[in-house]
Amino acid sequence: MALLLLPVIVQGIARFTKFPALIAALFSIATSIFTFFLKFFTRRVITNLVIVSMITASAVLAYTAIESLLLTIKFYVPPEVSIGLAIIAPTNFTACASVLFSARLIRWVWEWKAWVIQTMSNT
């Protein structure tokens, strides 16, 4: 009796083992595609984050440099010159100057990226 059931059991097991192999193959293909897109988008995102962080760091550096230069000038000049500069320059002069510097830096980076893309596409 047990020998008669053996082919039925083996056929049932063989039928169910086809599905995991198919699922494993599909999962392997999906994993490969996902990995490709992940690598592709990760490089672009990291590149853009590096550019944004460099621009932010340079803006902070420009603000700090301008603030320290103005503070140094105020320390060494007579008080009349400081009063005269206060009449001409607004109170947010440091912020305005650092924004102008940052805008020029962003434009330079944009032009540089466009030049690199154009150079790479012509080769």
C-alpha atoms as a PDB file:
ATOM      1  CA  MET A   1       0.000   0.000   0.000  1.00  0.00           C
ATOM      2  CA  ALA A   2       2.823   2.389   0.873  1.00  0.00           C
ATOM      3  CA  LEU A   3       4.543   1.608  -2.395  1.00  0.00           C
ATOM      4  CA  LEU A   4       1.436   2.647  -4.308  1.00  0.00           C
ATOM      5  CA  LEU A   5       1.362   6.031  -2.568  1.00  0.00           C
ATOM      6  CA  LEU A   6       5.039   6.747  -3.184  1.00  0.00           C
ATOM      7  CA  PRO A   7       4.664   7.850  -6.863  1.00  0.00           C
ATOM      8  CA  VAL A   8       1.720  10.081  -5.937  1.00  0.00           C
ATOM      9  CA  ILE A   9       3.707  11.752  -3.128  1.00  0.00           C
ATOM     10  CA  VAL A  10       6.777  12.232  -5.330  1.00  0.00           C
ATOM     11  CA  GLN A  11       4.656  13.752  -8.120  1.00  0.00           C
ATOM     12  CA  GLY A  12       3.006  16.130  -5.636  1.00  0.00           C
ATOM     13  CA  ILE A  13       6.351  17.255  -4.239  1.00  0.00           C
ATOM     14  CA  ALA A  14       7.764  17.688  -7.754  1.00  0.00           C
ATOM     15  CA  ARG A  15       4.757  19.805  -8.743  1.00  0.00           C
ATOM     16  CA  PHE A  16       5.213  22.136  -5.763  1.00  0.00           C
ATOM     17  CA  THR A  17       8.971  22.498  -6.236  1.00  0.00           C
ATOM     18  CA  LYS A  18       8.473  24.173  -9.604  1.00  0.00           C
ATOM     19  CA  PHE A  19       6.896  27.262  -8.033  1.00  0.00           C
ATOM     20  CA  PRO A  20       9.752  28.164  -5.670  1.00  0.00           C
ATOM     21  CA  ALA A  21      12.214  27.880  -8.524  1.00  0.00           C
ATOM     22  CA  LEU A  22      10.088  30.214 -10.636  1.00  0.00           C
ATOM     23  CA  ILE A  23       9.698  32.654  -7.731  1.00  0.00           C
ATOM     24  CA  ALA A  24      13.447  32.540  -7.058  1.00  0.00           C
ATOM     25  CA  ALA A  25      14.202  33.268 -10.725  1.00  0.00           C
ATOM     26  CA  LEU A  26      11.760  36.203 -10.823  1.00  0.00           C
ATOM     27  CA  PHE A  27      13.098  37.528  -7.526  1.00  0.00           C
ATOM     28  CA  SER A  28      16.650  37.305  -8.858  1.00  0.00           C
ATOM     29  CA  ILE A  29      15.711  39.295 -11.972  1.00  0.00           C
ATOM     30  CA  ALA A  30      13.820  41.888  -9.913  1.00  0.00           C
ATOM     31  CA  THR A  31      16.749  42.215  -7.521  1.00  0.00           C
ATOM     32  CA  SER A  32      19.172  42.798 -10.397  1.00  0.00           C
ATOM     33  CA  ILE A  33      16.961  45.501 -11.908  1.00  0.00           C
ATOM     34  CA  PHE A  34      16.426  47.170  -8.517  1.00  0.00           C
ATOM     35  CA  THR A  35      20.169  47.119  -7.819  1.00  0.00           C
ATOM     36  CA  PHE A  36      20.910  48.748 -11.188  1.00  0.00           C
ATOM     37  CA  PHE A  37      18.408  51.563 -10.589  1.00  0.00           C
ATOM     38  CA  LEU A  38      19.605  52.006  -7.025  1.00  0.00           C
ATOM     39  CA  LYS A  39      23.223  52.416  -8.146  1.00  0.00           C
ATOM     40  CA  PHE A  40      22.218  54.782 -10.949  1.00  0.00           C
ATOM     41  CA  PHE A  41      20.084  57.061  -8.779  1.00  0.00           C
ATOM     42  CA  THR A  42      22.423  56.872  -5.789  1.00  0.00           C
ATOM     43  CA  ARG A  43      25.305  58.295  -7.815  1.00  0.00           C
ATOM     44  CA  ARG A  44      23.165  61.171  -9.070  1.00  0.00           C
ATOM     45  CA  VAL A  45      21.751  61.926  -5.628  1.00  0.00           C
ATOM     46  CA  ILE A  46      25.166  61.802  -3.972  1.00  0.00           C
ATOM     47  CA  THR A  47      26.631  64.070  -6.661  1.00  0.00           C
ATOM     48  CA  ASN A  48      23.858  66.619  -6.190  1.00  0.00           C
ATOM     49  CA  LEU A  49      24.131  66.458  -2.394  1.00  0.00           C
ATOM     50  CA  VAL A  50      27.864  67.071  -2.595  1.00  0.00           C
ATOM     51  CA  ILE A  51      27.303  70.090  -4.843  1.00  0.00           C
ATOM     52  CA  VAL A  52      24.618  71.511  -2.547  1.00  0.00           C
ATOM     53  CA  SER A  53      26.742  70.974   0.557  1.00  0.00           C
ATOM     54  CA  MET A  54      29.765  72.604  -1.095  1.00  0.00           C
ATOM     55  CA  ILE A  55      27.686  75.639  -2.082  1.00  0.00           C
ATOM     56  CA  THR A  56      26.232  75.876   1.421  1.00  0.00           C
ATOM     57  CA  ALA A  57      29.651  75.591   3.002  1.00  0.00           C
ATOM     58  CA  SER A  58      31.062  78.261   0.695  1.00  0.00           C
ATOM     59  CA  ALA A  59      28.118  80.578   1.484  1.00  0.00           C
ATOM     60  CA  VAL A  60      28.720  80.157   5.210  1.00  0.00           C
ATOM     61  CA  LEU A  61      32.427  80.701   4.663  1.00  0.00           C
ATOM     62  CA  ALA A  62      31.754  83.847   2.635  1.00  0.00           C
ATOM     63  CA  TYR A  63      29.432  85.196   5.334  1.00  0.00           C
ATOM     64  CA  THR A  64      31.997  84.497   8.038  1.00  0.00           C
ATOM     65  CA  ALA A  65      34.835  86.008   6.015  1.00  0.00           C
ATOM     66  CA  ILE A  66      32.911  89.185   5.221  1.00  0.00           C
ATOM     67  CA  GLU A  67      31.755  89.514   8.822  1.00  0.00           C
ATOM     68  CA  SER A  68      35.285  89.092  10.159  1.00  0.00           C
ATOM     69  CA  LEU A  69      36.720  91.548   7.613  1.00  0.00           C
ATOM     70  CA  LEU A  70      34.153  94.178   8.518  1.00  0.00           C
ATOM     71  CA  LEU A  71      34.738  93.578  12.211  1.00  0.00           C
ATOM     72  CA  THR A  72      38.489  93.978  11.679  1.00  0.00           C
ATOM     73  CA  ILE A  73      37.995  97.177   9.703  1.00  0.00           C
ATOM     74  CA  LYS A  74      35.727  98.568  12.415  1.00  0.00           C
ATOM     75  CA  PHE A  75      38.357  97.796  15.021  1.00  0.00           C
ATOM     76  CA  TYR A  76      41.196  99.667  13.275  1.00  0.00           C
ATOM     77  CA  VAL A  77      39.445 102.695  11.766  1.00  0.00           C
ATOM     78  CA  PRO A  78      38.367 105.784  13.676  1.00  0.00           C
ATOM     79  CA  PRO A  79      34.754 105.824  14.911  1.00  0.00           C
ATOM     80  CA  GLU A  80      33.782 108.510  12.374  1.00  0.00           C
ATOM     81  CA  VAL A  81      34.456 106.113   9.498  1.00  0.00           C
ATOM     82  CA  SER A  82      32.305 103.434  11.130  1.00  0.00           C
ATOM     83  CA  ILE A  83      29.486 105.942  11.527  1.00  0.00           C
ATOM     84  CA  GLY A  84      29.876 107.018   7.896  1.00  0.00           C
ATOM     85  CA  LEU A  85      29.786 103.389   6.703  1.00  0.00           C
ATOM     86  CA  ALA A  86      26.722 102.766   8.822  1.00  0.00           C
ATOM     87  CA  ILE A  87      24.957 105.605   6.992  1.00  0.00           C
ATOM     88  CA  ILE A  88      25.891 104.201   3.561  1.00  0.00           C
ATOM     89  CA  ALA A  89      25.729 100.439   4.139  1.00  0.00           C
ATOM     90  CA  PRO A  90      22.549  98.769   5.414  1.00  0.00           C
ATOM     91  CA  THR A  91      22.494  96.774   8.626  1.00  0.00           C
ATOM     92  CA  ASN A  92      22.200  93.508   6.693  1.00  0.00           C
ATOM     93  CA  PHE A  93      25.174  94.249   4.432  1.00  0.00           C
ATOM     94  CA  THR A  94      26.988  91.045   5.374  1.00  0.00           C
ATOM     95  CA  ALA A  95      23.992  88.888   4.523  1.00  0.00           C
ATOM     96  CA  CYS A  96      23.455  90.700   1.218  1.00  0.00           C
ATOM     97  CA  ALA A  97      27.103  90.393   0.225  1.00  0.00           C
ATOM     98  CA  SER A  98      27.199  86.688   1.074  1.00  0.00           C
ATOM     99  CA  VAL A  99      23.986  86.091  -0.905  1.00  0.00           C
ATOM    100  CA  LEU A 100      25.509  87.853  -3.923  1.00  0.00           C
ATOM    101  CA  PHE A 101      28.665  85.767  -3.611  1.00  0.00           C
ATOM    102  CA  SER A 102      26.645  82.570  -3.254  1.00  0.00           C
ATOM    103  CA  ALA A 103      24.523  83.420  -6.300  1.00  0.00           C
ATOM    104  CA  ARG A 104      27.640  83.952  -8.395  1.00  0.00           C
ATOM    105  CA  LEU A 105      29.053  80.684  -7.108  1.00  0.00           C
ATOM    106  CA  ILE A 106      25.848  78.798  -7.939  1.00  0.00           C
ATOM    107  CA  ARG A 107      25.871  80.274 -11.445  1.00  0.00           C
ATOM    108  CA  TRP A 108      29.503  79.263 -11.896  1.00  0.00           C
ATOM    109  CA  VAL A 109      28.737  75.697 -10.764  1.00  0.00           C
ATOM    110  CA  TRP A 110      25.761  75.534 -13.126  1.00  0.00           C
ATOM    111  CA  GLU A 111      27.854  76.733 -16.065  1.00  0.00           C
ATOM    112  CA  TRP A 112      30.604  74.294 -15.140  1.00  0.00           C
ATOM    113  CA  LYS A 113      28.153  71.382 -15.048  1.00  0.00           C
ATOM    114  CA  ALA A 114      26.740  72.443 -18.431  1.00  0.00           C
ATOM    115  CA  TRP A 115      30.255  72.669 -19.861  1.00  0.00           C
ATOM    116  CA  VAL A 116      31.139  69.194 -18.535  1.00  0.00           C
ATOM    117  CA  ILE A 117      27.940  67.698 -19.971  1.00  0.00           C
ATOM    118  CA  GLN A 118      28.568  69.355 -23.310  1.00  0.00           C
ATOM    119  CA  THR A 119      32.193  68.196 -23.368  1.00  0.00           C
ATOM    120  CA  MET A 120      31.281  64.629 -22.445  1.00  0.00           C
ATOM    121  CA  SER A 121      28.518  64.455 -25.065  1.00  0.00           C
ATOM    122  CA  ASN A 122      30.805  65.648 -27.882  1.00  0.00           C
ATOM    123  CA  THR A 123      33.375  62.897 -27.360  1.00  0.00           C
END
